C-alpha atoms as a PDB file:
ATOM      1  CA  MET A   1       0.148  -0.043  -0.151  1.00  0.00           C
ATOM      2  CA  ASN A   2       1.107   3.333  -1.098  1.00  0.00           C
ATOM      3  CA  LEU A   3       0.813   6.569   1.560  1.00  0.00           C
ATOM      4  CA  LEU A   4       1.224  10.464   0.897  1.00  0.00           C
ATOM      5  CA  VAL A   5       1.802  11.824   3.939  1.00  0.00           C
ATOM      6  CA  ILE A   6       1.748  15.637   3.869  1.00  0.00           C
ATOM      7  CA  GLU A   7       3.152  17.425   6.726  1.00  0.00           C
ATOM      8  CA  ASP A   8       5.400  20.306   7.642  1.00  0.00           C
ATOM      9  CA  ASP A   9       6.294  19.751  10.877  1.00  0.00           C
ATOM     10  CA  VAL A  10       9.137  17.622  10.937  1.00  0.00           C
ATOM     11  CA  LYS A  11       8.524  15.498  14.226  1.00  0.00           C
ATOM     12  CA  ILE A  12       5.417  14.831  13.678  1.00  0.00           C
ATOM     13  CA  ALA A  13       5.637  14.327   9.814  1.00  0.00           C
ATOM     14  CA  SER A  14       8.993  11.402  11.008  1.00  0.00           C
ATOM     15  CA  PHE A  15       6.445   9.754  13.984  1.00  0.00           C
ATOM     16  CA  VAL A  16       3.789   9.202  10.972  1.00  0.00           C
ATOM     17  CA  LYS A  17       5.966   8.376   8.689  1.00  0.00           C
ATOM     18  CA  ARG A  18       8.009   5.416  10.864  1.00  0.00           C
ATOM     19  CA  GLY A  19       4.583   4.113  12.219  1.00  0.00           C
ATOM     20  CA  PHE A  20       3.427   3.538   8.879  1.00  0.00           C
ATOM     21  CA  GLU A  21       6.747   1.599   7.534  1.00  0.00           C
ATOM     22  CA  GLN A  22       6.390  -0.358  10.874  1.00  0.00           C
ATOM     23  CA  ASP A  23       3.319  -1.834   9.574  1.00  0.00           C
ATOM     24  CA  GLY A  24       4.479  -2.361   5.868  1.00  0.00           C
ATOM     25  CA  TYR A  25       3.434   0.553   4.152  1.00  0.00           C
ATOM     26  CA  LEU A  26       5.121   2.212   1.851  1.00  0.00           C
ATOM     27  CA  VAL A  27       5.240   5.827   2.481  1.00  0.00           C
ATOM     28  CA  ASP A  28       5.992   8.964   0.712  1.00  0.00           C
ATOM     29  CA  LEU A  29       6.339  12.560   2.306  1.00  0.00           C
ATOM     30  CA  ALA A  30       5.946  15.906   1.443  1.00  0.00           C
ATOM     31  CA  VAL A  31       6.850  18.719   4.020  1.00  0.00           C
ATOM     32  CA  ASP A  32       4.589  21.782   1.938  1.00  0.00           C
ATOM     33  CA  GLY A  33       1.159  22.269   0.186  1.00  0.00           C
ATOM     34  CA  GLU A  34       2.836  22.430  -3.142  1.00  0.00           C
ATOM     35  CA  GLN A  35       5.386  19.193  -3.213  1.00  0.00           C
ATOM     36  CA  GLY A  36       1.718  17.268  -1.694  1.00  0.00           C
ATOM     37  CA  LEU A  37      -0.069  18.525  -4.622  1.00  0.00           C
ATOM     38  CA  HIS A  38       2.815  17.959  -6.993  1.00  0.00           C
ATOM     39  CA  MET A  39       2.569  14.180  -5.647  1.00  0.00           C
ATOM     40  CA  CYS A  40      -0.868  14.224  -6.242  1.00  0.00           C
ATOM     41  CA  LEU A  41      -1.076  14.640  -9.897  1.00  0.00           C
ATOM     42  CA  THR A  42       2.027  12.424 -10.541  1.00  0.00           C
ATOM     43  CA  LYS A  43       1.680   9.573  -8.273  1.00  0.00           C
ATOM     44  CA  LYS A  44      -1.353   7.065  -7.369  1.00  0.00           C
ATOM     45  CA  TYR A  45      -2.052   6.796  -3.490  1.00  0.00           C
ATOM     46  CA  ASP A  46      -3.938   4.715  -1.911  1.00  0.00           C
ATOM     47  CA  ALA A  47      -4.695   6.702   0.941  1.00  0.00           C
ATOM     48  CA  ALA A  48      -3.476  10.640   2.080  1.00  0.00           C
ATOM     49  CA  VAL A  49      -2.819  12.321   5.352  1.00  0.00           C
ATOM     50  CA  ILE A  50      -2.833  15.863   5.097  1.00  0.00           C
ATOM     51  CA  ASP A  51      -2.162  18.697   7.549  1.00  0.00           C
ATOM     52  CA  ILE A  52      -4.642  21.780   7.055  1.00  0.00           C
ATOM     53  CA  LEU A  53      -1.617  24.734   7.928  1.00  0.00           C
ATOM     54  CA  LEU A  54       0.725  23.758   4.988  1.00  0.00           C
ATOM     55  CA  PRO A  55       3.091  26.217   3.583  1.00  0.00           C
ATOM     56  CA  HIS A  56       2.378  27.667   0.124  1.00  0.00           C
ATOM     57  CA  LEU A  57      -0.408  25.876  -0.232  1.00  0.00           C
ATOM     58  CA  ASP A  58      -3.261  24.849   2.541  1.00  0.00           C
ATOM     59  CA  GLY A  59      -4.051  21.662   3.138  1.00  0.00           C
ATOM     60  CA  LEU A  60      -8.084  22.802   1.947  1.00  0.00           C
ATOM     61  CA  SER A  61      -7.076  24.263  -0.419  1.00  0.00           C
ATOM     62  CA  LEU A  62      -4.955  21.403  -2.250  1.00  0.00           C
ATOM     63  CA  ILE A  63      -7.965  18.481  -1.239  1.00  0.00           C
ATOM     64  CA  GLU A  64      -9.640  21.068  -3.061  1.00  0.00           C
ATOM     65  CA  MET A  65      -6.933  21.199  -6.171  1.00  0.00           C
ATOM     66  CA  ILE A  66      -6.643  17.291  -6.254  1.00  0.00           C
ATOM     67  CA  ARG A  67     -10.573  16.898  -6.256  1.00  0.00           C
ATOM     68  CA  HIS A  68     -10.984  19.015  -9.093  1.00  0.00           C
ATOM     69  CA  ASN A  69      -8.268  17.420 -11.089  1.00  0.00           C
ATOM     70  CA  GLY A  70     -10.517  14.187 -10.368  1.00  0.00           C
ATOM     71  CA  ILE A  71      -8.323  12.039  -7.828  1.00  0.00           C
ATOM     72  CA  SER A  72     -10.425  10.470  -5.620  1.00  0.00           C
ATOM     73  CA  THR A  73      -7.494   8.888  -3.155  1.00  0.00           C
ATOM     74  CA  PRO A  74      -8.751   8.734   0.148  1.00  0.00           C
ATOM     75  CA  VAL A  75      -7.864  11.810   2.025  1.00  0.00           C
ATOM     76  CA  LEU A  76      -7.262  12.226   5.681  1.00  0.00           C
ATOM     77  CA  ILE A  77      -7.571  15.483   7.711  1.00  0.00           C
ATOM     78  CA  LEU A  78      -5.019  16.162  10.875  1.00  0.00           C
ATOM     79  CA  SER A  79      -5.638  19.586  11.976  1.00  0.00           C
ATOM     80  CA  ALA A  80      -5.124  21.296  15.369  1.00  0.00           C
ATOM     81  CA  LYS A  81      -8.648  23.103  14.951  1.00  0.00           C
ATOM     82  CA  ARG A  82     -11.113  21.257  16.676  1.00  0.00           C
ATOM     83  CA  THR A  83     -14.482  22.464  16.735  1.00  0.00           C
ATOM     84  CA  VAL A  84     -17.589  21.014  14.724  1.00  0.00           C
ATOM     85  CA  ASN A  85     -17.596  23.847  11.820  1.00  0.00           C
ATOM     86  CA  ASP A  86     -14.183  23.105  11.200  1.00  0.00           C
ATOM     87  CA  ARG A  87     -14.638  19.009  10.371  1.00  0.00           C
ATOM     88  CA  ILE A  88     -17.541  20.328   8.367  1.00  0.00           C
ATOM     89  CA  LYS A  89     -16.058  22.698   6.309  1.00  0.00           C
ATOM     90  CA  GLY A  90     -12.943  19.599   6.091  1.00  0.00           C
ATOM     91  CA  LEU A  91     -15.219  17.082   5.264  1.00  0.00           C
ATOM     92  CA  GLN A  92     -17.421  19.601   2.433  1.00  0.00           C
ATOM     93  CA  LYS A  93     -14.170  20.258   1.112  1.00  0.00           C
ATOM     94  CA  GLY A  94     -13.072  16.677   0.318  1.00  0.00           C
ATOM     95  CA  GLY A  95     -11.714  15.294   2.709  1.00  0.00           C
ATOM     96  CA  ASP A  96     -12.897  11.681   4.056  1.00  0.00           C
ATOM     97  CA  ASP A  97     -11.974  12.140   7.615  1.00  0.00           C
ATOM     98  CA  TYR A  98     -10.890  13.867  10.243  1.00  0.00           C
ATOM     99  CA  LEU A  99      -8.417  13.871  12.893  1.00  0.00           C
ATOM    100  CA  THR A 100      -7.573  16.492  15.301  1.00  0.00           C
ATOM    101  CA  LYS A 101      -3.932  16.793  16.966  1.00  0.00           C
ATOM    102  CA  PRO A 102      -2.536  15.402  19.520  1.00  0.00           C
ATOM    103  CA  PHE A 103      -3.671  11.917  18.156  1.00  0.00           C
ATOM    104  CA  SER A 104      -2.885   8.409  18.505  1.00  0.00           C
ATOM    105  CA  PHE A 105      -0.773   6.662  16.059  1.00  0.00           C
ATOM    106  CA  SER A 106      -2.867   3.586  16.412  1.00  0.00           C
ATOM    107  CA  GLU A 107      -6.468   5.484  16.069  1.00  0.00           C
ATOM    108  CA  LEU A 108      -4.832   7.061  12.891  1.00  0.00           C
ATOM    109  CA  LEU A 109      -3.790   3.453  11.234  1.00  0.00           C
ATOM    110  CA  VAL A 110      -7.573   2.211  12.030  1.00  0.00           C
ATOM    111  CA  ARG A 111      -8.531   5.369  10.438  1.00  0.00           C
ATOM    112  CA  VAL A 112      -6.681   5.494   7.269  1.00  0.00           C
ATOM    113  CA  LYS A 113      -7.089   1.177   6.659  1.00  0.00           C
ATOM    114  CA  ALA A 114     -10.727   2.180   7.003  1.00  0.00           C
ATOM    115  CA  LEU A 115     -10.390   4.862   4.397  1.00  0.00           C
ATOM    116  CA  ILE A 116      -8.558   1.988   2.412  1.00  0.00           C
ATOM    117  CA  ARG A 117     -11.447  -0.781   2.795  1.00  0.00           C
ATOM    118  CA  ARG A 118     -14.050   1.419   1.250  1.00  0.00           C
ATOM    119  CA  SER A 119     -12.363   2.812  -1.193  1.00  0.00           C
ATOM    120  CA  ASN A 120     -11.390  -0.511  -2.364  1.00  0.00           C
ATOM    121  CA  ASN A 121     -15.135  -1.876  -1.356  1.00  0.00           C
ATOM    122  CA  ILE A 122     -13.525  -4.376   1.003  1.00  0.00           C
ATOM    123  CA  PRO A 123     -15.716  -5.549   3.562  1.00  0.00           C
ATOM    124  CA  ASP A 124     -15.065  -3.665   6.516  1.00  0.00           C
ATOM    125  CA  SER A 125     -13.345  -7.134   8.358  1.00  0.00           C
ATOM    126  CA  SER A 126      -9.912  -7.620   9.938  1.00  0.00           C
ATOM    127  CA  GLN A 127     -10.230 -11.205   8.810  1.00  0.00           C
ATOM    128  CA  ILE A 128      -8.783 -12.948   5.635  1.00  0.00           C
ATOM    129  CA  VAL A 129      -9.448 -16.971   5.939  1.00  0.00           C
ATOM    130  CA  VAL A 130      -8.150 -18.753   2.757  1.00  0.00           C
ATOM    131  CA  GLU A 131      -7.907 -22.631   3.185  1.00  0.00           C
ATOM    132  CA  ASP A 132      -5.959 -23.220   6.650  1.00  0.00           C
ATOM    133  CA  LEU A 133      -4.398 -19.537   6.246  1.00  0.00           C
ATOM    134  CA  SER A 134      -6.011 -17.058   8.188  1.00  0.00           C
ATOM    135  CA  MET A 135      -4.641 -13.850   9.291  1.00  0.00           C
ATOM    136  CA  ASP A 136      -5.620 -10.283  11.639  1.00  0.00           C
ATOM    137  CA  LEU A 137      -5.148  -7.388   9.667  1.00  0.00           C
ATOM    138  CA  MET A 138      -5.629  -5.265  13.318  1.00  0.00           C
ATOM    139  CA  LYS A 139      -3.574  -7.236  14.643  1.00  0.00           C
ATOM    140  CA  ARG A 140      -0.962  -8.461  12.541  1.00  0.00           C
ATOM    141  CA  VAL A 141      -1.001 -11.945  13.108  1.00  0.00           C
ATOM    142  CA  VAL A 142      -0.989 -14.740  10.864  1.00  0.00           C
ATOM    143  CA  PHE A 143      -1.728 -18.689  11.274  1.00  0.00           C
ATOM    144  CA  ARG A 144      -1.648 -21.944   9.352  1.00  0.00           C
ATOM    145  CA  GLU A 145      -3.815 -24.276  10.627  1.00  0.00           C
ATOM    146  CA  ASP A 146      -3.070 -23.498  14.789  1.00  0.00           C
ATOM    147  CA  GLU A 147       0.771 -22.342  14.127  1.00  0.00           C
ATOM    148  CA  LYS A 148       1.547 -18.739  14.797  1.00  0.00           C
ATOM    149  CA  ILE A 149       3.584 -17.625  12.171  1.00  0.00           C
ATOM    150  CA  GLU A 150       5.865 -14.479  12.805  1.00  0.00           C
ATOM    151  CA  LEU A 151       6.243 -12.271   9.723  1.00  0.00           C
ATOM    152  CA  GLN A 152       8.123  -9.270   8.553  1.00  0.00           C
ATOM    153  CA  PRO A 153       6.281  -6.320   7.387  1.00  0.00           C
ATOM    154  CA  ARG A 154       6.691  -6.915   3.822  1.00  0.00           C
ATOM    155  CA  GLU A 155       6.059 -10.406   3.965  1.00  0.00           C
ATOM    156  CA  PHE A 156       2.676  -9.686   6.021  1.00  0.00           C
ATOM    157  CA  ALA A 157       1.958  -7.329   2.956  1.00  0.00           C
ATOM    158  CA  LEU A 158       3.097 -10.100   0.566  1.00  0.00           C
ATOM    159  CA  LEU A 159       1.316 -12.841   2.120  1.00  0.00           C
ATOM    160  CA  GLU A 160      -2.140 -10.209   2.236  1.00  0.00           C
ATOM    161  CA  TYR A 161      -1.779  -9.392  -1.393  1.00  0.00           C
ATOM    162  CA  PHE A 162      -1.397 -13.570  -2.018  1.00  0.00           C
ATOM    163  CA  MET A 163      -4.640 -14.533   0.513  1.00  0.00           C
ATOM    164  CA  ARG A 164      -6.412 -11.487  -1.301  1.00  0.00           C
ATOM    165  CA  ASN A 165      -5.936 -13.366  -4.639  1.00  0.00           C
ATOM    166  CA  PRO A 166      -5.904 -16.735  -4.071  1.00  0.00           C
ATOM    167  CA  ASN A 167      -5.383 -19.108  -7.640  1.00  0.00           C
ATOM    168  CA  LYS A 168      -4.091 -15.360  -9.170  1.00  0.00           C
ATOM    169  CA  VAL A 169      -0.676 -15.598 -11.018  1.00  0.00           C
ATOM    170  CA  LEU A 170       1.030 -12.353  -9.511  1.00  0.00           C
ATOM    171  CA  SER A 171       3.508 -11.260 -11.873  1.00  0.00           C
ATOM    172  CA  LYS A 172       6.847 -10.237 -10.433  1.00  0.00           C
ATOM    173  CA  THR A 173       5.946  -6.780 -11.578  1.00  0.00           C
ATOM    174  CA  LEU A 174       2.760  -6.628 -10.053  1.00  0.00           C
ATOM    175  CA  ILE A 175       4.124  -7.295  -6.677  1.00  0.00           C
ATOM    176  CA  LEU A 176       6.836  -4.557  -7.147  1.00  0.00           C
ATOM    177  CA  GLU A 177       4.158  -2.190  -7.625  1.00  0.00           C
ATOM    178  CA  LYS A 178       2.108  -3.188  -5.119  1.00  0.00           C
ATOM    179  CA  ILE A 179       4.621  -4.139  -2.268  1.00  0.00           C
ATOM    180  CA  TRP A 180       7.290  -1.587  -3.067  1.00  0.00           C
ATOM    181  CA  ASP A 181       7.705   1.495  -5.425  1.00  0.00           C
ATOM    182  CA  PHE A 182       7.038   2.230  -8.988  1.00  0.00           C
ATOM    183  CA  ASN A 183      10.527   2.685  -9.803  1.00  0.00           C
ATOM    184  CA  PHE A 184      12.113  -0.771  -9.139  1.00  0.00           C
ATOM    185  CA  ASP A 185      14.368  -2.129 -12.136  1.00  0.00           C
ATOM    186  CA  PRO A 186      12.441  -4.933 -12.762  1.00  0.00           C
ATOM    187  CA  GLN A 187      15.224  -6.976 -13.380  1.00  0.00           C
ATOM    188  CA  THR A 188      15.964  -7.170  -9.512  1.00  0.00           C
ATOM    189  CA  ASN A 189      15.293  -9.902  -7.369  1.00  0.00           C
ATOM    190  CA  VAL A 190      13.861  -8.360  -4.319  1.00  0.00           C
ATOM    191  CA  VAL A 191      10.812 -10.259  -5.332  1.00  0.00           C
ATOM    192  CA  ASP A 192      12.582 -13.728  -5.463  1.00  0.00           C
ATOM    193  CA  VAL A 193      13.980 -12.916  -2.102  1.00  0.00           C
ATOM    194  CA  LEU A 194      11.157 -11.994  -0.519  1.00  0.00           C
ATOM    195  CA  VAL A 195       8.715 -14.850  -2.387  1.00  0.00           C
ATOM    196  CA  CYS A 196      11.609 -17.091  -0.407  1.00  0.00           C
ATOM    197  CA  ARG A 197      11.139 -15.813   2.874  1.00  0.00           C
ATOM    198  CA  LEU A 198       7.644 -15.564   2.648  1.00  0.00           C
ATOM    199  CA  ARG A 199       7.637 -19.721   1.863  1.00  0.00           C
ATOM    200  CA  GLY A 200      10.062 -21.064   4.010  1.00  0.00           C
ATOM    201  CA  LYS A 201       7.777 -19.662   7.149  1.00  0.00           C
ATOM    202  CA  ILE A 202       4.334 -20.796   5.937  1.00  0.00           C
ATOM    203  CA  ASP A 203       5.278 -23.869   3.779  1.00  0.00           C
ATOM    204  CA  ARG A 204       8.173 -24.793   5.505  1.00  0.00           C
ATOM    205  CA  ASN A 205       6.466 -27.382   7.758  1.00  0.00           C
ATOM    206  CA  TYR A 206       3.656 -28.606   5.952  1.00  0.00           C
ATOM    207  CA  LYS A 207       3.494 -31.277   3.370  1.00  0.00           C
ATOM    208  CA  GLU A 208       0.899 -29.315   1.198  1.00  0.00           C
ATOM    209  CA  LYS A 209       3.065 -26.526  -0.257  1.00  0.00           C
ATOM    210  CA  ARG A 210       1.074 -23.242  -1.186  1.00  0.00           C
ATOM    211  CA  ILE A 211       3.883 -20.717  -2.833  1.00  0.00           C
ATOM    212  CA  ARG A 212       3.932 -22.044  -6.205  1.00  0.00           C
ATOM    213  CA  THR A 213       6.126 -20.712  -8.856  1.00  0.00           C
ATOM    214  CA  ILE A 214       5.402 -20.440 -12.200  1.00  0.00           C
ATOM    215  CA  ARG A 215       8.528 -19.898 -14.740  1.00  0.00           C
ATOM    216  CA  GLY A 216       9.238 -16.929 -16.568  1.00  0.00           C
ATOM    217  CA  VAL A 217       5.422 -15.620 -15.109  1.00  0.00           C
ATOM    218  CA  GLY A 218       4.920 -15.271 -11.715  1.00  0.00           C
ATOM    219  CA  TYR A 219       4.185 -16.765  -8.548  1.00  0.00           C
ATOM    220  CA  VAL A 220       0.648 -17.972  -6.894  1.00  0.00           C
ATOM    221  CA  LEU A 221      -1.095 -18.950  -4.202  1.00  0.00           C
ATOM    222  CA  ASP A 222      -2.787 -22.537  -4.555  1.00  0.00           C
ATOM    223  CA  VAL A 223      -6.119 -22.917  -3.012  1.00  0.00           C
ATOM    224  CA  PRO A 224      -7.939 -26.279  -3.980  1.00  0.00           C
ATOM    225  CA  ALA A 225     -11.011 -25.643  -6.608  1.00  0.00           C
END
């Protein structure tokens, strides 16, 4: 998942970026409204977190401009302004949710995940189950049968991608675009390395293997028809 954080407070921006990255997201950071607008117009994001009081171009004007350009990226507004009228104004300008400062990162994370689920028409559930694999998106826990499997953030993100697309061949290019940035060299072996690590964790102790390599094409999570 690709997120954009537009926040001019260095400490808050660093805190939010680090928190999302630890949860497996890819995060771009903009420190003023004009930079944020350029990034919104030139790259697709799954969600954006936008502060209102930004230099050069304020957050509400930025949101108005991206909506005017037909960009439907879910937007969560961060603001120190707490009145009902402030919240209404933010939502009227095109924001999808509004969170006041100071805030807890756990609440920010839950709200952003909810925005992404709604925008992708994903059922509002924290559980994904595919055969003997189960994943809790909120607790960041994976089980195969009764065995708990510890995954690193990118391994978790890759398994989630597989579990949302069972029996579908996922090319290296698709995985690069989904789990990393769009600018990776397609000849890189980072996908092979990540798949190998994930396979070692979810298939190693089981006779029935889930992740299969399709030579020259990509990888697939096998599920009986």
